């Protein structure tokens, strides 16, 4: 997902260089939202993994 955000930023940079300001702004907004979603999903799955790992470890003890 981070790769997709970086690709959107690259496309935005190329569009800005070529003078397509509206398209560049849209791609930057898309990249920001994708990055935010990626960070939120990372934190959610990190917490789920920590809690599931603790429960599994407690069950084995």
PDB file of N, CA and C in Angstrom:
ATOM      1  N   UNK A   1       0.813  -1.182   0.000  1.00  0.00           N
ATOM      2  CA  UNK A   1       0.000   0.000   0.000  1.00  0.00           C
ATOM      3  C   UNK A   1       0.867   1.260   0.000  1.00  0.00           C
ATOM      4  N   UNK A   2       1.975   1.175   0.686  1.00  0.00           N
ATOM      5  CA  UNK A   2       2.889   2.311   0.691  1.00  0.00           C
ATOM      6  C   UNK A   2       3.463   2.524  -0.716  1.00  0.00           C
ATOM      7  N   UNK A   3       3.692   1.429  -1.438  1.00  0.00           N
ATOM      8  CA  UNK A   3       4.192   1.552  -2.811  1.00  0.00           C
ATOM      9  C   UNK A   3       3.197   2.321  -3.674  1.00  0.00           C
ATOM     10  N   UNK A   4       1.916   2.065  -3.465  1.00  0.00           N
ATOM     11  CA  UNK A   4       0.883   2.768  -4.227  1.00  0.00           C
ATOM     12  C   UNK A   4       0.889   4.254  -3.892  1.00  0.00           C
ATOM     13  N   UNK A   5       1.074   4.588  -2.621  1.00  0.00           N
ATOM     14  CA  UNK A   5       1.135   5.995  -2.226  1.00  0.00           C
ATOM     15  C   UNK A   5       2.351   6.676  -2.851  1.00  0.00           C
ATOM     16  N   UNK A   6       3.489   5.982  -2.863  1.00  0.00           N
ATOM     17  CA  UNK A   6       4.692   6.559  -3.469  1.00  0.00           C
ATOM     18  C   UNK A   6       4.504   6.732  -4.978  1.00  0.00           C
ATOM     19  N   UNK A   7       3.861   5.760  -5.616  1.00  0.00           N
ATOM     20  CA  UNK A   7       3.602   5.876  -7.053  1.00  0.00           C
ATOM     21  C   UNK A   7       2.695   7.068  -7.346  1.00  0.00           C
ATOM     22  N   UNK A   8       1.698   7.301  -6.492  1.00  0.00           N
ATOM     23  CA  UNK A   8       0.824   8.462  -6.680  1.00  0.00           C
ATOM     24  C   UNK A   8       1.605   9.761  -6.523  1.00  0.00           C
ATOM     25  N   UNK A   9       2.543   9.781  -5.570  1.00  0.00           N
ATOM     26  CA  UNK A   9       3.358  10.980  -5.396  1.00  0.00           C
ATOM     27  C   UNK A   9       4.257  11.225  -6.600  1.00  0.00           C
ATOM     28  N   UNK A  10       4.796  10.158  -7.189  1.00  0.00           N
ATOM     29  CA  UNK A  10       5.631  10.305  -8.379  1.00  0.00           C
ATOM     30  C   UNK A  10       4.799  10.828  -9.544  1.00  0.00           C
ATOM     31  N   UNK A  11       3.609  10.275  -9.730  1.00  0.00           N
ATOM     32  CA  UNK A  11       2.726  10.749 -10.801  1.00  0.00           C
ATOM     33  C   UNK A  11       2.355  12.209 -10.557  1.00  0.00           C
ATOM     34  N   UNK A  12       2.109  12.574  -9.297  1.00  0.00           N
ATOM     35  CA  UNK A  12       1.784  13.965  -8.979  1.00  0.00           C
ATOM     36  C   UNK A  12       2.954  14.887  -9.305  1.00  0.00           C
ATOM     37  N   UNK A  13       4.164  14.442  -9.001  1.00  0.00           N
ATOM     38  CA  UNK A  13       5.339  15.264  -9.297  1.00  0.00           C
ATOM     39  C   UNK A  13       5.511  15.454 -10.801  1.00  0.00           C
ATOM     40  N   UNK A  14       5.321  14.377 -11.551  1.00  0.00           N
ATOM     41  CA  UNK A  14       5.445  14.474 -13.012  1.00  0.00           C
ATOM     42  C   UNK A  14       4.348  15.379 -13.576  1.00  0.00           C
ATOM     43  N   UNK A  15       3.130  15.237 -13.060  1.00  0.00           N
ATOM     44  CA  UNK A  15       2.033  16.077 -13.531  1.00  0.00           C
ATOM     45  C   UNK A  15       2.290  17.540 -13.191  1.00  0.00           C
ATOM     46  N   UNK A  16       2.860  17.803 -12.022  1.00  0.00           N
ATOM     47  CA  UNK A  16       3.158  19.182 -11.638  1.00  0.00           C
ATOM     48  C   UNK A  16       4.241  19.780 -12.532  1.00  0.00           C
ATOM     49  N   UNK A  17       5.240  18.980 -12.857  1.00  0.00           N
ATOM     50  CA  UNK A  17       6.312  19.465 -13.741  1.00  0.00           C
ATOM     51  C   UNK A  17       5.753  19.797 -15.122  1.00  0.00           C
ATOM     52  N   UNK A  18       4.819  18.984 -15.583  1.00  0.00           N
ATOM     53  CA  UNK A  18       4.234  19.205 -16.910  1.00  0.00           C
ATOM     54  C   UNK A  18       3.149  20.280 -16.911  1.00  0.00           C
ATOM     55  N   UNK A  19       2.791  20.784 -15.723  1.00  0.00           N
ATOM     56  CA  UNK A  19       1.845  21.890 -15.658  1.00  0.00           C
ATOM     57  C   UNK A  19       0.407  21.506 -15.401  1.00  0.00           C
ATOM     58  N   UNK A  20       0.159  20.283 -15.028  1.00  0.00           N
ATOM     59  CA  UNK A  20      -1.198  19.838 -14.725  1.00  0.00           C
ATOM     60  C   UNK A  20      -1.431  19.943 -13.219  1.00  0.00           C
ATOM     61  N   UNK A  21      -1.695  21.151 -12.747  1.00  0.00           N
ATOM     62  CA  UNK A  21      -1.809  21.402 -11.315  1.00  0.00           C
ATOM     63  C   UNK A  21      -2.980  20.693 -10.664  1.00  0.00           C
ATOM     64  N   UNK A  22      -4.106  20.670 -11.335  1.00  0.00           N
ATOM     65  CA  UNK A  22      -5.287  20.023 -10.752  1.00  0.00           C
ATOM     66  C   UNK A  22      -5.091  18.527 -10.582  1.00  0.00           C
ATOM     67  N   UNK A  23      -4.524  17.909 -11.598  1.00  0.00           N
ATOM     68  CA  UNK A  23      -4.263  16.465 -11.540  1.00  0.00           C
ATOM     69  C   UNK A  23      -3.230  16.163 -10.464  1.00  0.00           C
ATOM     70  N   UNK A  24      -2.205  17.010 -10.375  1.00  0.00           N
ATOM     71  CA  UNK A  24      -1.159  16.810  -9.371  1.00  0.00           C
ATOM     72  C   UNK A  24      -1.739  16.918  -7.972  1.00  0.00           C
ATOM     73  N   UNK A  25      -2.599  17.892  -7.748  1.00  0.00           N
ATOM     74  CA  UNK A  25      -3.225  18.045  -6.434  1.00  0.00           C
ATOM     75  C   UNK A  25      -4.098  16.856  -6.072  1.00  0.00           C
ATOM     76  N   UNK A  26      -4.817  16.351  -7.061  1.00  0.00           N
ATOM     77  CA  UNK A  26      -5.667  15.185  -6.811  1.00  0.00           C
ATOM     78  C   UNK A  26      -4.827  13.969  -6.450  1.00  0.00           C
ATOM     79  N   UNK A  27      -3.722  13.768  -7.156  1.00  0.00           N
ATOM     80  CA  UNK A  27      -2.874  12.618  -6.857  1.00  0.00           C
ATOM     81  C   UNK A  27      -2.192  12.754  -5.505  1.00  0.00           C
ATOM     82  N   UNK A  28      -1.863  13.963  -5.105  1.00  0.00           N
ATOM     83  CA  UNK A  28      -1.280  14.159  -3.777  1.00  0.00           C
ATOM     84  C   UNK A  28      -2.314  13.822  -2.705  1.00  0.00           C
ATOM     85  N   UNK A  29      -3.556  14.269  -2.905  1.00  0.00           N
ATOM     86  CA  UNK A  29      -4.609  13.934  -1.935  1.00  0.00           C
ATOM     87  C   UNK A  29      -4.820  12.430  -1.850  1.00  0.00           C
ATOM     88  N   UNK A  30      -4.827  11.765  -2.988  1.00  0.00           N
ATOM     89  CA  UNK A  30      -4.982  10.306  -3.000  1.00  0.00           C
ATOM     90  C   UNK A  30      -3.822   9.643  -2.266  1.00  0.00           C
ATOM     91  N   UNK A  31      -2.620  10.102  -2.497  1.00  0.00           N
ATOM     92  CA  UNK A  31      -1.445   9.523  -1.840  1.00  0.00           C
ATOM     93  C   UNK A  31      -1.505   9.708  -0.332  1.00  0.00           C
ATOM     94  N   UNK A  32      -1.962  10.871   0.110  1.00  0.00           N
ATOM     95  CA  UNK A  32      -2.067  11.124   1.554  1.00  0.00           C
ATOM     96  C   UNK A  32      -3.087  10.183   2.178  1.00  0.00           C
ATOM     97  N   UNK A  33      -4.234  10.039   1.548  1.00  0.00           N
ATOM     98  CA  UNK A  33      -5.264   9.149   2.097  1.00  0.00           C
ATOM     99  C   UNK A  33      -4.797   7.694   2.123  1.00  0.00           C
ATOM    100  N   UNK A  34      -4.126   7.265   1.080  1.00  0.00           N
ATOM    101  CA  UNK A  34      -3.618   5.891   1.054  1.00  0.00           C
ATOM    102  C   UNK A  34      -2.589   5.681   2.154  1.00  0.00           C
ATOM    103  N   UNK A  35      -1.730   6.663   2.380  1.00  0.00           N
ATOM    104  CA  UNK A  35      -0.722   6.553   3.438  1.00  0.00           C
ATOM    105  C   UNK A  35      -1.389   6.507   4.813  1.00  0.00           C
ATOM    106  N   UNK A  36      -2.419   7.311   5.027  1.00  0.00           N
ATOM    107  CA  UNK A  36      -3.128   7.301   6.310  1.00  0.00           C
ATOM    108  C   UNK A  36      -3.793   5.953   6.535  1.00  0.00           C
ATOM    109  N   UNK A  37      -4.438   5.428   5.513  1.00  0.00           N
ATOM    110  CA  UNK A  37      -5.087   4.118   5.628  1.00  0.00           C
ATOM    111  C   UNK A  37      -4.053   3.034   5.919  1.00  0.00           C
ATOM    112  N   UNK A  38      -2.895   3.103   5.274  1.00  0.00           N
ATOM    113  CA  UNK A  38      -1.845   2.110   5.500  1.00  0.00           C
ATOM    114  C   UNK A  38      -1.347   2.157   6.942  1.00  0.00           C
ATOM    115  N   UNK A  39      -1.159   3.342   7.482  1.00  0.00           N
ATOM    116  CA  UNK A  39      -0.688   3.468   8.869  1.00  0.00           C
ATOM    117  C   UNK A  39      -1.739   2.956   9.851  1.00  0.00           C
ATOM    118  N   UNK A  40      -3.002   3.292   9.614  1.00  0.00           N
ATOM    119  CA  UNK A  40      -4.070   2.816  10.494  1.00  0.00           C
ATOM    120  C   UNK A  40      -4.160   1.292  10.457  1.00  0.00           C
ATOM    121  N   UNK A  41      -4.107   0.710   9.260  1.00  0.00           N
ATOM    122  CA  UNK A  41      -4.156  -0.747   9.160  1.00  0.00           C
ATOM    123  C   UNK A  41      -2.953  -1.399   9.825  1.00  0.00           C
ATOM    124  N   UNK A  42      -1.774  -0.782   9.695  1.00  0.00           N
ATOM    125  CA  UNK A  42      -0.582  -1.305  10.351  1.00  0.00           C
ATOM    126  C   UNK A  42      -0.767  -1.345  11.859  1.00  0.00           C
ATOM    127  N   UNK A  43      -1.284  -0.263  12.431  1.00  0.00           N
ATOM    128  CA  UNK A  43      -1.475  -0.210  13.886  1.00  0.00           C
ATOM    129  C   UNK A  43      -2.525  -1.223  14.332  1.00  0.00           C
ATOM    130  N   UNK A  44      -3.618  -1.329  13.584  1.00  0.00           N
ATOM    131  CA  UNK A  44      -4.674  -2.283  13.947  1.00  0.00           C
ATOM    132  C   UNK A  44      -4.137  -3.711  13.932  1.00  0.00           C
ATOM    133  N   UNK A  45      -3.446  -4.085  12.866  1.00  0.00           N
ATOM    134  CA  UNK A  45      -2.933  -5.446  12.778  1.00  0.00           C
ATOM    135  C   UNK A  45      -1.801  -5.695  13.769  1.00  0.00           C
ATOM    136  N   UNK A  46      -1.030  -4.669  14.097  1.00  0.00           N
ATOM    137  CA  UNK A  46       0.001  -4.809  15.117  1.00  0.00           C
ATOM    138  C   UNK A  46      -0.629  -5.112  16.472  1.00  0.00           C
ATOM    139  N   UNK A  47      -1.674  -4.371  16.812  1.00  0.00           N
ATOM    140  CA  UNK A  47      -2.358  -4.619  18.089  1.00  0.00           C
ATOM    141  C   UNK A  47      -3.044  -5.981  18.102  1.00  0.00           C
ATOM    142  N   UNK A  48      -3.678  -6.344  16.998  1.00  0.00           N
ATOM    143  CA  UNK A  48      -4.313  -7.664  16.927  1.00  0.00           C
ATOM    144  C   UNK A  48      -3.284  -8.781  17.085  1.00  0.00           C
ATOM    145  N   UNK A  49      -2.133  -8.615  16.459  1.00  0.00           N
ATOM    146  CA  UNK A  49      -1.081  -9.616  16.573  1.00  0.00           C
ATOM    147  C   UNK A  49      -0.544  -9.715  17.981  1.00  0.00           C
ATOM    148  N   UNK A  50      -0.403  -8.581  18.645  1.00  0.00           N
ATOM    149  CA  UNK A  50       0.102  -8.600  20.018  1.00  0.00           C
ATOM    150  C   UNK A  50      -0.877  -9.299  20.947  1.00  0.00           C
ATOM    151  N   UNK A  51      -2.165  -8.971  20.822  1.00  0.00           N
ATOM    152  CA  UNK A  51      -3.156  -9.586  21.703  1.00  0.00           C
ATOM    153  C   UNK A  51      -3.352 -11.065  21.389  1.00  0.00           C
ATOM    154  N   UNK A  52      -3.369 -11.424  20.115  1.00  0.00           N
ATOM    155  CA  UNK A  52      -3.528 -12.829  19.742  1.00  0.00           C
ATOM    156  C   UNK A  52      -2.308 -13.633  20.172  1.00  0.00           C
ATOM    157  N   UNK A  53      -1.129 -13.049  20.034  1.00  0.00           N
ATOM    158  CA  UNK A  53       0.088 -13.734  20.469  1.00  0.00           C
ATOM    159  C   UNK A  53       0.113 -13.942  21.959  1.00  0.00           C
ATOM    160  N   UNK A  54      -0.372 -12.962  22.718  1.00  0.00           N
ATOM    161  CA  UNK A  54      -0.411 -13.099  24.174  1.00  0.00           C
ATOM    162  C   UNK A  54      -1.391 -14.198  24.582  1.00  0.00           C
ATOM    163  N   UNK A  55      -2.548 -14.242  23.929  1.00  0.00           N
ATOM    164  CA  UNK A  55      -3.541 -15.280  24.259  1.00  0.00           C
ATOM    165  C   UNK A  55      -3.011 -16.669  23.912  1.00  0.00           C
ATOM    166  N   UNK A  56      -2.316 -16.788  22.779  1.00  0.00           N
ATOM    167  CA  UNK A  56      -1.761 -18.079  22.383  1.00  0.00           C
ATOM    168  C   UNK A  56      -0.675 -18.504  23.350  1.00  0.00           C
ATOM    169  N   UNK A  57       0.160 -17.559  23.783  1.00  0.00           N
ATOM    170  CA  UNK A  57       1.229 -17.884  24.713  1.00  0.00           C
ATOM    171  C   UNK A  57       0.666 -18.280  26.069  1.00  0.00           C
ATOM    172  N   UNK A  58      -0.394 -17.597  26.512  1.00  0.00           N
ATOM    173  CA  UNK A  58      -1.028 -17.944  27.787  1.00  0.00           C
ATOM    174  C   UNK A  58      -1.693 -19.305  27.723  1.00  0.00           C
ATOM    175  N   UNK A  59      -2.247 -19.649  26.570  1.00  0.00           N
ATOM    176  CA  UNK A  59      -2.911 -20.943  26.425  1.00  0.00           C
ATOM    177  C   UNK A  59      -1.896 -22.078  26.446  1.00  0.00           C
ATOM    178  N   UNK A  60      -0.676 -21.829  25.960  1.00  0.00           N
ATOM    179  CA  UNK A  60       0.350 -22.863  25.945  1.00  0.00           C
ATOM    180  C   UNK A  60       0.983 -23.059  27.306  1.00  0.00           C
ATOM    181  N   UNK A  61       0.939 -22.041  28.145  1.00  0.00           N
ATOM    182  CA  UNK A  61       1.559 -22.143  29.485  1.00  0.00           C
ATOM    183  C   UNK A  61       0.717 -22.901  30.459  1.00  0.00           C
TER     184      UNK A  61
END
